[in-house]
Structures are given as C-alpha cells and as structure tokens.
N, C-alpha and C. Protein backbone atom coordinates (compact mmCIF):
# COMPACT_ATOMS: atom_id res chain seq x y z
N MET A 1 0.39 26.09 12.95
CA MET A 1 0.58 24.64 13.17
C MET A 1 -0.48 23.88 12.36
N SER A 2 -0.03 23.00 11.47
CA SER A 2 -0.99 22.28 10.64
C SER A 2 -1.54 21.07 11.38
N THR A 3 -2.75 20.67 11.01
CA THR A 3 -3.35 19.46 11.59
C THR A 3 -2.72 18.24 10.93
N PRO A 4 -2.88 17.03 11.53
CA PRO A 4 -2.36 15.82 10.88
C PRO A 4 -2.92 15.63 9.46
N ALA A 5 -4.20 15.94 9.29
CA ALA A 5 -4.81 15.79 7.95
C ALA A 5 -4.17 16.75 6.95
N GLU A 6 -3.91 17.97 7.40
CA GLU A 6 -3.26 18.95 6.51
C GLU A 6 -1.83 18.54 6.18
N ALA A 7 -1.13 18.00 7.19
CA ALA A 7 0.25 17.55 6.97
C ALA A 7 0.28 16.40 5.96
N LYS A 8 -0.69 15.49 6.07
CA LYS A 8 -0.77 14.37 5.11
C LYS A 8 -1.06 14.89 3.70
N ALA A 9 -2.00 15.83 3.59
CA ALA A 9 -2.37 16.37 2.28
C ALA A 9 -1.19 17.08 1.63
N GLU A 10 -0.43 17.84 2.41
CA GLU A 10 0.73 18.55 1.88
C GLU A 10 1.80 17.57 1.42
N LEU A 11 2.04 16.52 2.23
CA LEU A 11 3.04 15.51 1.86
C LEU A 11 2.61 14.77 0.60
N ARG A 12 1.32 14.47 0.48
CA ARG A 12 0.82 13.83 -0.74
C ARG A 12 1.13 14.69 -1.97
N ARG A 13 0.82 15.97 -1.88
CA ARG A 13 1.06 16.87 -3.03
C ARG A 13 2.54 16.90 -3.40
N GLU A 14 3.37 17.00 -2.40
CA GLU A 14 4.82 17.11 -2.63
C GLU A 14 5.39 15.85 -3.27
N VAL A 15 5.03 14.68 -2.72
CA VAL A 15 5.60 13.42 -3.22
C VAL A 15 5.02 13.05 -4.57
N LEU A 16 3.73 13.28 -4.77
CA LEU A 16 3.13 12.97 -6.08
C LEU A 16 3.75 13.84 -7.17
N ALA A 17 4.05 15.10 -6.87
CA ALA A 17 4.70 15.97 -7.86
C ALA A 17 6.08 15.42 -8.21
N ARG A 18 6.79 14.92 -7.21
CA ARG A 18 8.12 14.35 -7.44
C ARG A 18 8.01 13.08 -8.29
N ARG A 19 7.03 12.24 -7.95
CA ARG A 19 6.85 10.99 -8.71
C ARG A 19 6.42 11.28 -10.14
N ASP A 20 5.51 12.23 -10.30
CA ASP A 20 5.04 12.59 -11.65
C ASP A 20 6.17 13.13 -12.52
N ALA A 21 7.19 13.73 -11.88
CA ALA A 21 8.29 14.34 -12.63
C ALA A 21 9.33 13.33 -13.11
N LEU A 22 9.22 12.08 -12.66
CA LEU A 22 10.17 11.06 -13.11
C LEU A 22 10.08 10.88 -14.62
N ASP A 23 11.22 10.74 -15.27
CA ASP A 23 11.24 10.47 -16.71
C ASP A 23 10.52 9.14 -16.98
N PRO A 24 9.58 9.10 -17.95
CA PRO A 24 8.81 7.87 -18.20
C PRO A 24 9.68 6.65 -18.48
N ALA A 25 10.78 6.83 -19.22
CA ALA A 25 11.65 5.69 -19.52
C ALA A 25 12.32 5.18 -18.24
N LEU A 26 12.72 6.11 -17.38
CA LEU A 26 13.33 5.73 -16.11
C LEU A 26 12.30 5.05 -15.22
N ARG A 27 11.08 5.57 -15.21
CA ARG A 27 10.01 4.97 -14.41
C ARG A 27 9.76 3.54 -14.87
N ALA A 28 9.76 3.31 -16.18
CA ALA A 28 9.54 1.96 -16.71
C ALA A 28 10.67 1.03 -16.30
N ALA A 29 11.90 1.51 -16.41
CA ALA A 29 13.06 0.67 -16.04
C ALA A 29 13.04 0.37 -14.55
N HIS A 30 12.73 1.38 -13.73
CA HIS A 30 12.65 1.16 -12.28
C HIS A 30 11.54 0.17 -11.95
N SER A 31 10.42 0.25 -12.67
CA SER A 31 9.29 -0.66 -12.40
C SER A 31 9.68 -2.11 -12.67
N VAL A 32 10.44 -2.33 -13.75
CA VAL A 32 10.89 -3.69 -14.06
C VAL A 32 11.82 -4.19 -12.95
N ALA A 33 12.73 -3.33 -12.49
CA ALA A 33 13.65 -3.72 -11.42
C ALA A 33 12.88 -4.07 -10.15
N ILE A 34 11.86 -3.27 -9.82
CA ILE A 34 11.05 -3.52 -8.63
C ILE A 34 10.29 -4.84 -8.77
N ALA A 35 9.71 -5.08 -9.95
CA ALA A 35 8.98 -6.33 -10.18
C ALA A 35 9.89 -7.54 -10.02
N GLU A 36 11.10 -7.45 -10.54
CA GLU A 36 12.04 -8.57 -10.44
C GLU A 36 12.43 -8.83 -8.99
N THR A 37 12.61 -7.76 -8.22
CA THR A 37 12.96 -7.91 -6.81
C THR A 37 11.81 -8.55 -6.04
N VAL A 38 10.58 -8.07 -6.26
CA VAL A 38 9.42 -8.64 -5.56
C VAL A 38 9.26 -10.12 -5.93
N ALA A 39 9.41 -10.44 -7.22
CA ALA A 39 9.23 -11.82 -7.67
C ALA A 39 10.26 -12.75 -7.04
N ALA A 40 11.41 -12.21 -6.65
CA ALA A 40 12.48 -13.02 -6.05
C ALA A 40 12.35 -13.14 -4.53
N LEU A 41 11.42 -12.41 -3.93
CA LEU A 41 11.26 -12.48 -2.47
C LEU A 41 10.74 -13.86 -2.07
N PRO A 42 11.22 -14.41 -0.96
CA PRO A 42 10.70 -15.71 -0.51
C PRO A 42 9.20 -15.66 -0.21
N GLU A 43 8.72 -14.51 0.27
CA GLU A 43 7.29 -14.37 0.56
C GLU A 43 6.45 -14.51 -0.71
N PHE A 44 6.96 -13.97 -1.81
CA PHE A 44 6.23 -14.06 -3.08
C PHE A 44 6.27 -15.49 -3.61
N ALA A 45 7.45 -16.12 -3.53
CA ALA A 45 7.58 -17.49 -4.01
C ALA A 45 6.65 -18.44 -3.26
N ALA A 46 6.48 -18.20 -1.95
CA ALA A 46 5.67 -19.11 -1.12
C ALA A 46 4.17 -18.86 -1.24
N ALA A 47 3.78 -17.73 -1.79
CA ALA A 47 2.36 -17.34 -1.80
C ALA A 47 1.63 -17.94 -2.99
N GLY A 48 0.59 -18.72 -2.71
CA GLY A 48 -0.22 -19.27 -3.79
C GLY A 48 -1.18 -18.23 -4.36
N GLY A 49 -1.69 -17.37 -3.49
CA GLY A 49 -2.62 -16.32 -3.91
C GLY A 49 -2.02 -14.96 -3.62
N VAL A 50 -1.87 -14.11 -4.66
CA VAL A 50 -1.25 -12.79 -4.49
C VAL A 50 -2.25 -11.71 -4.88
N LEU A 51 -2.37 -10.71 -4.01
CA LEU A 51 -3.22 -9.56 -4.30
C LEU A 51 -2.32 -8.44 -4.79
N LEU A 52 -2.37 -8.17 -6.08
CA LEU A 52 -1.61 -7.07 -6.66
C LEU A 52 -2.57 -5.91 -6.92
N PHE A 53 -2.09 -4.83 -7.47
CA PHE A 53 -2.96 -3.72 -7.85
C PHE A 53 -2.61 -3.30 -9.26
N ALA A 54 -3.58 -2.80 -9.99
CA ALA A 54 -3.34 -2.29 -11.34
C ALA A 54 -2.90 -0.84 -11.20
N SER A 55 -1.70 -0.56 -11.66
CA SER A 55 -1.15 0.78 -11.48
C SER A 55 -1.86 1.80 -12.36
N PHE A 56 -1.82 3.05 -11.91
CA PHE A 56 -2.36 4.14 -12.71
C PHE A 56 -1.48 5.37 -12.51
N GLY A 57 -1.56 6.28 -13.45
CA GLY A 57 -0.75 7.49 -13.36
C GLY A 57 0.73 7.14 -13.33
N SER A 58 1.45 7.75 -12.40
CA SER A 58 2.90 7.58 -12.34
C SER A 58 3.34 6.52 -11.32
N GLU A 59 2.40 5.65 -10.91
CA GLU A 59 2.74 4.58 -9.96
C GLU A 59 3.73 3.60 -10.57
N VAL A 60 4.38 2.82 -9.70
CA VAL A 60 5.18 1.68 -10.15
C VAL A 60 4.28 0.82 -11.05
N ASP A 61 4.77 0.49 -12.24
CA ASP A 61 3.99 -0.33 -13.19
C ASP A 61 3.98 -1.77 -12.69
N THR A 62 2.79 -2.27 -12.39
CA THR A 62 2.68 -3.63 -11.85
C THR A 62 2.43 -4.69 -12.92
N ALA A 63 2.31 -4.28 -14.17
CA ALA A 63 2.04 -5.26 -15.24
C ALA A 63 3.10 -6.37 -15.31
N PRO A 64 4.41 -6.05 -15.19
CA PRO A 64 5.40 -7.14 -15.23
C PRO A 64 5.20 -8.15 -14.11
N LEU A 65 4.82 -7.67 -12.93
CA LEU A 65 4.63 -8.59 -11.80
C LEU A 65 3.38 -9.44 -11.99
N MET A 66 2.33 -8.86 -12.58
CA MET A 66 1.13 -9.64 -12.89
C MET A 66 1.48 -10.81 -13.81
N GLN A 67 2.27 -10.51 -14.84
CA GLN A 67 2.66 -11.56 -15.78
C GLN A 67 3.50 -12.63 -15.10
N HIS A 68 4.38 -12.21 -14.22
CA HIS A 68 5.21 -13.18 -13.48
C HIS A 68 4.32 -14.09 -12.63
N ALA A 69 3.33 -13.49 -11.94
CA ALA A 69 2.43 -14.29 -11.10
C ALA A 69 1.66 -15.31 -11.92
N LEU A 70 1.18 -14.89 -13.09
CA LEU A 70 0.42 -15.81 -13.95
C LEU A 70 1.32 -16.92 -14.49
N ARG A 71 2.54 -16.57 -14.88
CA ARG A 71 3.47 -17.60 -15.37
C ARG A 71 3.82 -18.60 -14.28
N ALA A 72 3.81 -18.13 -13.03
CA ALA A 72 4.14 -19.02 -11.90
C ALA A 72 2.91 -19.78 -11.40
N ASP A 73 1.78 -19.68 -12.14
CA ASP A 73 0.54 -20.37 -11.78
C ASP A 73 0.00 -19.97 -10.41
N LYS A 74 0.18 -18.71 -10.06
CA LYS A 74 -0.39 -18.21 -8.82
C LYS A 74 -1.83 -17.74 -9.07
N LEU A 75 -2.61 -17.73 -8.01
CA LEU A 75 -3.93 -17.13 -8.07
C LEU A 75 -3.71 -15.62 -8.02
N LEU A 76 -4.00 -14.93 -9.14
CA LEU A 76 -3.80 -13.49 -9.24
C LEU A 76 -5.10 -12.78 -8.91
N LEU A 77 -5.06 -11.98 -7.84
CA LEU A 77 -6.23 -11.22 -7.41
C LEU A 77 -5.94 -9.74 -7.56
N LEU A 78 -6.96 -8.99 -7.96
CA LEU A 78 -6.87 -7.54 -8.02
C LEU A 78 -8.08 -6.94 -7.32
N PRO A 79 -7.91 -5.75 -6.74
CA PRO A 79 -9.03 -5.15 -5.99
C PRO A 79 -9.97 -4.34 -6.88
N ARG A 80 -11.22 -4.30 -6.45
CA ARG A 80 -12.23 -3.43 -7.05
C ARG A 80 -12.85 -2.62 -5.92
N VAL A 81 -12.88 -1.31 -6.09
CA VAL A 81 -13.42 -0.43 -5.05
C VAL A 81 -14.95 -0.53 -5.02
N VAL A 82 -15.49 -0.82 -3.83
CA VAL A 82 -16.93 -0.81 -3.61
C VAL A 82 -17.20 0.42 -2.73
N ARG A 83 -17.50 1.54 -3.38
CA ARG A 83 -17.55 2.82 -2.65
C ARG A 83 -18.63 2.86 -1.58
N GLY A 84 -19.81 2.35 -1.90
CA GLY A 84 -20.92 2.41 -0.94
C GLY A 84 -20.61 1.70 0.36
N GLU A 85 -19.79 0.64 0.27
CA GLU A 85 -19.43 -0.14 1.46
C GLU A 85 -18.03 0.21 1.99
N ARG A 86 -17.36 1.13 1.29
CA ARG A 86 -16.00 1.56 1.66
C ARG A 86 -15.06 0.36 1.86
N ARG A 87 -15.09 -0.55 0.87
CA ARG A 87 -14.24 -1.73 0.96
C ARG A 87 -13.68 -2.08 -0.41
N LEU A 88 -12.73 -3.00 -0.40
CA LEU A 88 -12.17 -3.55 -1.63
C LEU A 88 -12.72 -4.95 -1.84
N ALA A 89 -13.32 -5.21 -3.00
CA ALA A 89 -13.70 -6.57 -3.39
C ALA A 89 -12.53 -7.15 -4.16
N LEU A 90 -12.21 -8.41 -3.92
CA LEU A 90 -11.05 -9.05 -4.55
C LEU A 90 -11.53 -10.00 -5.64
N HIS A 91 -10.97 -9.85 -6.84
CA HIS A 91 -11.40 -10.66 -7.98
C HIS A 91 -10.22 -11.38 -8.62
N GLU A 92 -10.47 -12.61 -9.04
CA GLU A 92 -9.46 -13.38 -9.74
C GLU A 92 -9.32 -12.87 -11.18
N VAL A 93 -8.08 -12.62 -11.58
CA VAL A 93 -7.80 -12.11 -12.93
C VAL A 93 -6.92 -13.13 -13.65
N ARG A 94 -7.37 -13.55 -14.83
CA ARG A 94 -6.60 -14.52 -15.61
C ARG A 94 -5.91 -13.89 -16.81
N ASP A 95 -6.47 -12.78 -17.30
CA ASP A 95 -5.93 -12.11 -18.48
C ASP A 95 -6.05 -10.59 -18.28
N PRO A 96 -5.02 -9.96 -17.70
CA PRO A 96 -5.12 -8.52 -17.40
C PRO A 96 -5.51 -7.67 -18.61
N ALA A 97 -5.06 -8.04 -19.80
CA ALA A 97 -5.37 -7.24 -20.98
C ALA A 97 -6.86 -7.23 -21.29
N GLU A 98 -7.57 -8.31 -20.96
CA GLU A 98 -9.00 -8.42 -21.27
C GLU A 98 -9.90 -8.21 -20.04
N ASP A 99 -9.37 -8.48 -18.85
CA ASP A 99 -10.21 -8.53 -17.65
C ASP A 99 -10.38 -7.19 -16.93
N LEU A 100 -9.55 -6.19 -17.27
CA LEU A 100 -9.60 -4.93 -16.54
C LEU A 100 -10.37 -3.86 -17.31
N ARG A 101 -11.00 -2.97 -16.56
CA ARG A 101 -11.71 -1.83 -17.16
C ARG A 101 -11.58 -0.65 -16.21
N PRO A 102 -11.78 0.58 -16.69
CA PRO A 102 -11.68 1.73 -15.79
C PRO A 102 -12.75 1.66 -14.71
N GLY A 103 -12.31 1.84 -13.46
CA GLY A 103 -13.24 1.79 -12.33
C GLY A 103 -13.34 3.14 -11.66
N VAL A 104 -13.51 3.10 -10.35
CA VAL A 104 -13.60 4.33 -9.56
C VAL A 104 -12.31 5.12 -9.75
N TRP A 105 -12.44 6.43 -9.93
CA TRP A 105 -11.31 7.33 -10.16
C TRP A 105 -10.50 6.94 -11.40
N ASN A 106 -11.11 6.19 -12.32
CA ASN A 106 -10.46 5.74 -13.56
C ASN A 106 -9.31 4.76 -13.33
N ILE A 107 -9.19 4.22 -12.13
CA ILE A 107 -8.16 3.21 -11.86
C ILE A 107 -8.61 1.90 -12.50
N PRO A 108 -7.71 1.21 -13.22
CA PRO A 108 -8.11 -0.09 -13.80
C PRO A 108 -8.52 -1.08 -12.71
N GLU A 109 -9.66 -1.73 -12.93
CA GLU A 109 -10.20 -2.69 -11.96
C GLU A 109 -10.68 -3.94 -12.69
N PRO A 110 -10.76 -5.07 -11.98
CA PRO A 110 -11.32 -6.27 -12.61
C PRO A 110 -12.79 -6.04 -12.97
N ASP A 111 -13.17 -6.57 -14.12
CA ASP A 111 -14.57 -6.52 -14.55
C ASP A 111 -15.29 -7.66 -13.82
N PRO A 112 -16.25 -7.33 -12.92
CA PRO A 112 -16.90 -8.41 -12.14
C PRO A 112 -17.68 -9.38 -13.01
N ALA A 113 -18.02 -8.97 -14.24
CA ALA A 113 -18.73 -9.89 -15.13
C ALA A 113 -17.80 -10.97 -15.67
N ARG A 114 -16.49 -10.71 -15.66
CA ARG A 114 -15.50 -11.66 -16.17
C ARG A 114 -14.69 -12.33 -15.07
N CYS A 115 -14.58 -11.65 -13.93
CA CYS A 115 -13.63 -12.07 -12.90
C CYS A 115 -14.36 -12.46 -11.62
N PRO A 116 -14.32 -13.72 -11.23
CA PRO A 116 -15.03 -14.14 -10.02
C PRO A 116 -14.43 -13.50 -8.76
N GLU A 117 -15.32 -13.15 -7.82
CA GLU A 117 -14.86 -12.59 -6.55
C GLU A 117 -14.32 -13.72 -5.68
N ARG A 118 -13.27 -13.43 -4.95
CA ARG A 118 -12.64 -14.41 -4.07
C ARG A 118 -12.56 -13.84 -2.65
N PRO A 119 -12.53 -14.70 -1.63
CA PRO A 119 -12.48 -14.21 -0.24
C PRO A 119 -11.07 -13.73 0.13
N LEU A 120 -11.02 -12.90 1.15
CA LEU A 120 -9.74 -12.39 1.65
C LEU A 120 -8.81 -13.53 2.08
N GLU A 121 -9.41 -14.64 2.51
CA GLU A 121 -8.61 -15.78 2.97
C GLU A 121 -7.75 -16.39 1.85
N ALA A 122 -8.09 -16.08 0.59
CA ALA A 122 -7.30 -16.62 -0.53
C ALA A 122 -5.96 -15.89 -0.68
N VAL A 123 -5.83 -14.75 -0.02
CA VAL A 123 -4.64 -13.91 -0.17
C VAL A 123 -3.53 -14.36 0.78
N LYS A 124 -2.36 -14.61 0.22
CA LYS A 124 -1.20 -14.96 1.04
C LYS A 124 -0.12 -13.87 0.98
N LEU A 125 -0.24 -12.97 0.01
CA LEU A 125 0.67 -11.82 -0.10
C LEU A 125 -0.10 -10.65 -0.67
N VAL A 126 0.08 -9.47 -0.07
CA VAL A 126 -0.54 -8.24 -0.56
C VAL A 126 0.56 -7.31 -1.05
N LEU A 127 0.41 -6.81 -2.26
CA LEU A 127 1.27 -5.76 -2.77
C LEU A 127 0.55 -4.44 -2.51
N ALA A 128 1.12 -3.62 -1.62
CA ALA A 128 0.43 -2.41 -1.19
C ALA A 128 0.94 -1.18 -1.93
N PRO A 129 0.02 -0.40 -2.48
CA PRO A 129 0.42 0.87 -3.09
C PRO A 129 0.55 1.94 -2.01
N GLY A 130 1.02 3.09 -2.39
CA GLY A 130 1.10 4.20 -1.46
C GLY A 130 1.72 5.41 -2.12
N VAL A 131 1.54 6.56 -1.48
CA VAL A 131 2.11 7.80 -2.00
C VAL A 131 3.50 8.03 -1.43
N ALA A 132 3.65 7.84 -0.11
CA ALA A 132 4.93 8.10 0.54
C ALA A 132 5.17 7.05 1.63
N PHE A 133 6.45 6.79 1.87
CA PHE A 133 6.86 5.83 2.88
C PHE A 133 8.06 6.39 3.63
N ASP A 134 8.26 5.93 4.87
CA ASP A 134 9.47 6.33 5.58
C ASP A 134 10.26 5.10 5.99
N GLU A 135 11.44 5.34 6.56
CA GLU A 135 12.36 4.24 6.88
C GLU A 135 11.81 3.31 7.96
N ALA A 136 10.85 3.80 8.74
CA ALA A 136 10.26 2.96 9.79
C ALA A 136 9.06 2.17 9.29
N GLY A 137 8.81 2.22 7.98
CA GLY A 137 7.69 1.46 7.42
C GLY A 137 6.40 2.25 7.36
N GLY A 138 6.44 3.51 7.76
CA GLY A 138 5.24 4.34 7.67
C GLY A 138 4.76 4.44 6.24
N ARG A 139 3.45 4.34 6.05
CA ARG A 139 2.86 4.37 4.71
C ARG A 139 1.77 5.43 4.65
N LEU A 140 1.86 6.30 3.66
CA LEU A 140 0.83 7.29 3.41
C LEU A 140 0.11 6.89 2.13
N GLY A 141 -1.19 6.55 2.27
CA GLY A 141 -1.97 6.16 1.10
C GLY A 141 -2.58 7.37 0.41
N TYR A 142 -3.63 7.11 -0.35
CA TYR A 142 -4.27 8.18 -1.12
C TYR A 142 -5.38 8.89 -0.34
N GLY A 143 -5.67 8.39 0.86
CA GLY A 143 -6.61 9.10 1.71
C GLY A 143 -7.98 8.45 1.88
N GLY A 144 -8.24 7.38 1.14
CA GLY A 144 -9.56 6.74 1.25
C GLY A 144 -9.66 5.72 2.38
N GLY A 145 -8.52 5.21 2.82
CA GLY A 145 -8.52 4.23 3.91
C GLY A 145 -8.88 2.81 3.48
N TYR A 146 -9.05 2.58 2.17
CA TYR A 146 -9.47 1.24 1.70
C TYR A 146 -8.43 0.18 2.06
N TYR A 147 -7.16 0.46 1.78
CA TYR A 147 -6.13 -0.53 2.08
C TYR A 147 -5.93 -0.70 3.57
N ASP A 148 -5.99 0.40 4.35
CA ASP A 148 -5.82 0.28 5.80
C ASP A 148 -6.86 -0.68 6.38
N ARG A 149 -8.11 -0.53 5.95
CA ARG A 149 -9.18 -1.41 6.48
C ARG A 149 -8.93 -2.86 6.07
N MET A 150 -8.51 -3.08 4.83
CA MET A 150 -8.28 -4.45 4.38
C MET A 150 -7.07 -5.07 5.09
N LEU A 151 -5.99 -4.29 5.24
CA LEU A 151 -4.79 -4.82 5.89
C LEU A 151 -5.08 -5.21 7.34
N GLN A 152 -5.93 -4.46 8.01
CA GLN A 152 -6.28 -4.80 9.40
C GLN A 152 -7.06 -6.10 9.48
N ALA A 153 -7.73 -6.49 8.39
CA ALA A 153 -8.55 -7.70 8.40
C ALA A 153 -7.78 -8.95 7.97
N LEU A 154 -6.53 -8.79 7.55
CA LEU A 154 -5.74 -9.93 7.08
C LEU A 154 -5.44 -10.91 8.22
N ALA A 155 -5.39 -12.18 7.87
CA ALA A 155 -5.00 -13.20 8.85
C ALA A 155 -3.52 -13.04 9.19
N PRO A 156 -3.11 -13.42 10.40
CA PRO A 156 -1.69 -13.38 10.75
C PRO A 156 -0.88 -14.23 9.76
N GLY A 157 0.29 -13.76 9.42
CA GLY A 157 1.15 -14.52 8.51
C GLY A 157 1.04 -14.14 7.06
N VAL A 158 0.03 -13.34 6.70
CA VAL A 158 -0.07 -12.88 5.31
C VAL A 158 1.01 -11.82 5.09
N ALA A 159 1.80 -11.99 4.04
CA ALA A 159 2.90 -11.05 3.77
C ALA A 159 2.35 -9.77 3.16
N VAL A 160 2.90 -8.63 3.59
CA VAL A 160 2.54 -7.34 3.01
C VAL A 160 3.82 -6.69 2.50
N VAL A 161 3.84 -6.41 1.20
CA VAL A 161 5.00 -5.80 0.55
C VAL A 161 4.55 -4.52 -0.12
N ALA A 162 5.19 -3.41 0.22
CA ALA A 162 4.88 -2.14 -0.43
C ALA A 162 5.91 -1.87 -1.51
N VAL A 163 5.46 -1.26 -2.60
CA VAL A 163 6.38 -0.91 -3.68
C VAL A 163 6.29 0.59 -3.96
N CYS A 164 7.44 1.20 -4.20
CA CYS A 164 7.49 2.62 -4.54
C CYS A 164 8.84 2.93 -5.14
N PHE A 165 8.97 4.13 -5.66
CA PHE A 165 10.26 4.61 -6.15
C PHE A 165 11.00 5.28 -4.99
N GLU A 166 12.33 5.32 -5.08
CA GLU A 166 13.13 5.96 -4.02
C GLU A 166 12.68 7.39 -3.75
N CYS A 167 12.21 8.09 -4.78
CA CYS A 167 11.80 9.49 -4.59
C CYS A 167 10.56 9.61 -3.70
N GLN A 168 9.93 8.48 -3.38
CA GLN A 168 8.75 8.49 -2.51
C GLN A 168 9.10 8.21 -1.04
N ILE A 169 10.37 7.94 -0.76
CA ILE A 169 10.80 7.73 0.62
C ILE A 169 11.06 9.10 1.25
N VAL A 170 10.44 9.33 2.39
CA VAL A 170 10.55 10.62 3.08
C VAL A 170 11.06 10.40 4.50
N PRO A 171 11.52 11.46 5.18
CA PRO A 171 12.03 11.28 6.55
C PRO A 171 11.00 10.72 7.52
N ALA A 172 9.76 11.19 7.43
CA ALA A 172 8.73 10.71 8.35
C ALA A 172 7.35 10.90 7.74
N VAL A 173 6.53 9.86 7.85
CA VAL A 173 5.14 9.91 7.40
C VAL A 173 4.26 10.16 8.62
N PRO A 174 3.37 11.16 8.56
CA PRO A 174 2.45 11.36 9.70
C PRO A 174 1.56 10.13 9.85
N ARG A 175 1.42 9.65 11.08
CA ARG A 175 0.64 8.42 11.30
C ARG A 175 -0.49 8.63 12.28
N ASP A 176 -1.62 8.00 12.00
CA ASP A 176 -2.73 7.92 12.94
C ASP A 176 -2.69 6.53 13.57
N ALA A 177 -3.50 6.32 14.60
CA ALA A 177 -3.51 5.04 15.31
C ALA A 177 -3.85 3.87 14.39
N HIS A 178 -4.72 4.11 13.38
CA HIS A 178 -5.15 3.01 12.51
C HIS A 178 -4.18 2.74 11.36
N ASP A 179 -3.15 3.56 11.20
CA ASP A 179 -2.22 3.40 10.08
C ASP A 179 -1.23 2.27 10.39
N LEU A 180 -1.25 1.23 9.55
CA LEU A 180 -0.35 0.09 9.76
C LEU A 180 0.95 0.29 8.98
N PRO A 181 2.09 -0.05 9.59
CA PRO A 181 3.36 0.08 8.86
C PRO A 181 3.49 -1.00 7.79
N ALA A 182 4.32 -0.73 6.81
CA ALA A 182 4.61 -1.71 5.76
C ALA A 182 5.82 -2.52 6.20
N PRO A 183 5.67 -3.84 6.42
CA PRO A 183 6.79 -4.65 6.91
C PRO A 183 7.96 -4.72 5.92
N VAL A 184 7.64 -4.70 4.61
CA VAL A 184 8.67 -4.79 3.57
C VAL A 184 8.38 -3.69 2.54
N ILE A 185 9.40 -2.92 2.20
CA ILE A 185 9.27 -1.89 1.17
C ILE A 185 10.33 -2.15 0.11
N VAL A 186 9.89 -2.27 -1.14
CA VAL A 186 10.81 -2.51 -2.26
C VAL A 186 10.83 -1.28 -3.16
N THR A 187 12.04 -0.76 -3.40
CA THR A 187 12.22 0.32 -4.37
C THR A 187 13.13 -0.20 -5.49
N GLU A 188 13.48 0.68 -6.42
CA GLU A 188 14.35 0.26 -7.52
C GLU A 188 15.78 -0.05 -7.07
N THR A 189 16.15 0.38 -5.85
CA THR A 189 17.53 0.18 -5.42
C THR A 189 17.70 -0.71 -4.19
N ARG A 190 16.61 -0.97 -3.45
CA ARG A 190 16.78 -1.73 -2.21
C ARG A 190 15.47 -2.34 -1.72
N THR A 191 15.63 -3.27 -0.78
CA THR A 191 14.50 -3.86 -0.06
C THR A 191 14.68 -3.52 1.41
N ARG A 192 13.70 -2.83 1.98
CA ARG A 192 13.77 -2.41 3.38
C ARG A 192 12.81 -3.26 4.20
N ARG A 193 13.36 -4.05 5.14
CA ARG A 193 12.54 -4.89 6.00
C ARG A 193 12.50 -4.29 7.40
N GLN A 194 11.30 -4.25 7.98
CA GLN A 194 11.17 -3.77 9.35
C GLN A 194 11.60 -4.88 10.30
N PRO A 195 12.31 -4.54 11.37
CA PRO A 195 12.69 -5.57 12.35
C PRO A 195 11.43 -6.22 12.94
N ALA A 196 11.50 -7.50 13.19
CA ALA A 196 10.38 -8.21 13.81
C ALA A 196 10.16 -7.67 15.21
N ARG A 197 8.88 -7.48 15.57
CA ARG A 197 8.57 -6.94 16.91
C ARG A 197 8.51 -8.06 17.93
C-alpha cells in the first residue's frame, strides 16, 4: 500500500511522461486553443490584474495569453519563486521577451531589477499550472506547495483558472486537506466548471 506522497509522485511521473510525449506541433496548436478559450472567459474579461505563469518544458504555452493580456491593457503579473521564504513574489511584466530570465529550476521568471513587485491584492484572476487534474477539480502540482499557499491567501472572489492538456486529466488526484480544487479547468477541448458550493 503506497503512502499519499508516493501515490502523488507516481501520478506525477506518469502524467508528465504523457505530456512530454505530445507532438510539439500539436502541443503548440492546443496551447493556442487553450489561450483563446481563457481569453474569452468572462472572469478573464472582468479582471484588471491577471497572474499568469511563464511555461516551461511541455506545459501549456502561456505566451499567447500573455500577449492577449497586454493587448487588453491588463496588469500582467508573473510569479518569482522566493525559496528561502517558500513563497511566490508577484511582479508586473510589460515585455515578456525582455523582462524574463531563468529562475529557480530554470523556470522563466520576472527579473526583479526590471519588474516592480506588486501585492497579491492586485490579482483578480490566477492562471494555475499543474501536473494532473481530475473531474472534481482536484489539482496535483509539482510538489513545492507554492501555489497552494498563495491560493489560500487570495481574497474571496478572485477567479482561479487551471490550464492543462486533456492527457493530464485523470480519474482521481490524491488530495491532502490543504489541497484546493480548481474551480475552472480549461483544456484544448473543453471548459470544466465546478458546481458552486
């Protein structure tokens, strides 16, 4: 019998292998479809400040959505990992091509010398990354807990939208008490909304 931590680690390996195996051209096309769907959501249209993430590896490419946010004159925020404090610092990004640099784990992050830090209160929509998701909104992250801690600190009413490819949807994600569900999940083929509680 595996522990919850072991079950999460095994599911991460399995889903990441599936995501990595996606054809790059298909991944790019799916990413554009996902970006267009997110940009059309009422939550995105209403949000003045959006917290996106800079994709790495085989993640959904968020570059198209960053450009859409900037064209729509939204406050574009991206996270920077502050490892010593186990938190995400949020920085305003005006030019992703110039403002990002490799950060912790080589993930592109805002350069704090170029990008002013902004408070969590500036965020009206969070685009959440993840490794695996289930139909009930369960989200399996990368294991650091950075997003879980930030999501718990959000003010009521802030929209949270997760993005992933269909191959990342699984029957059930192992959950701990601190794991928050994703209210909205967007893939290349559908938008899954959790019923209001």
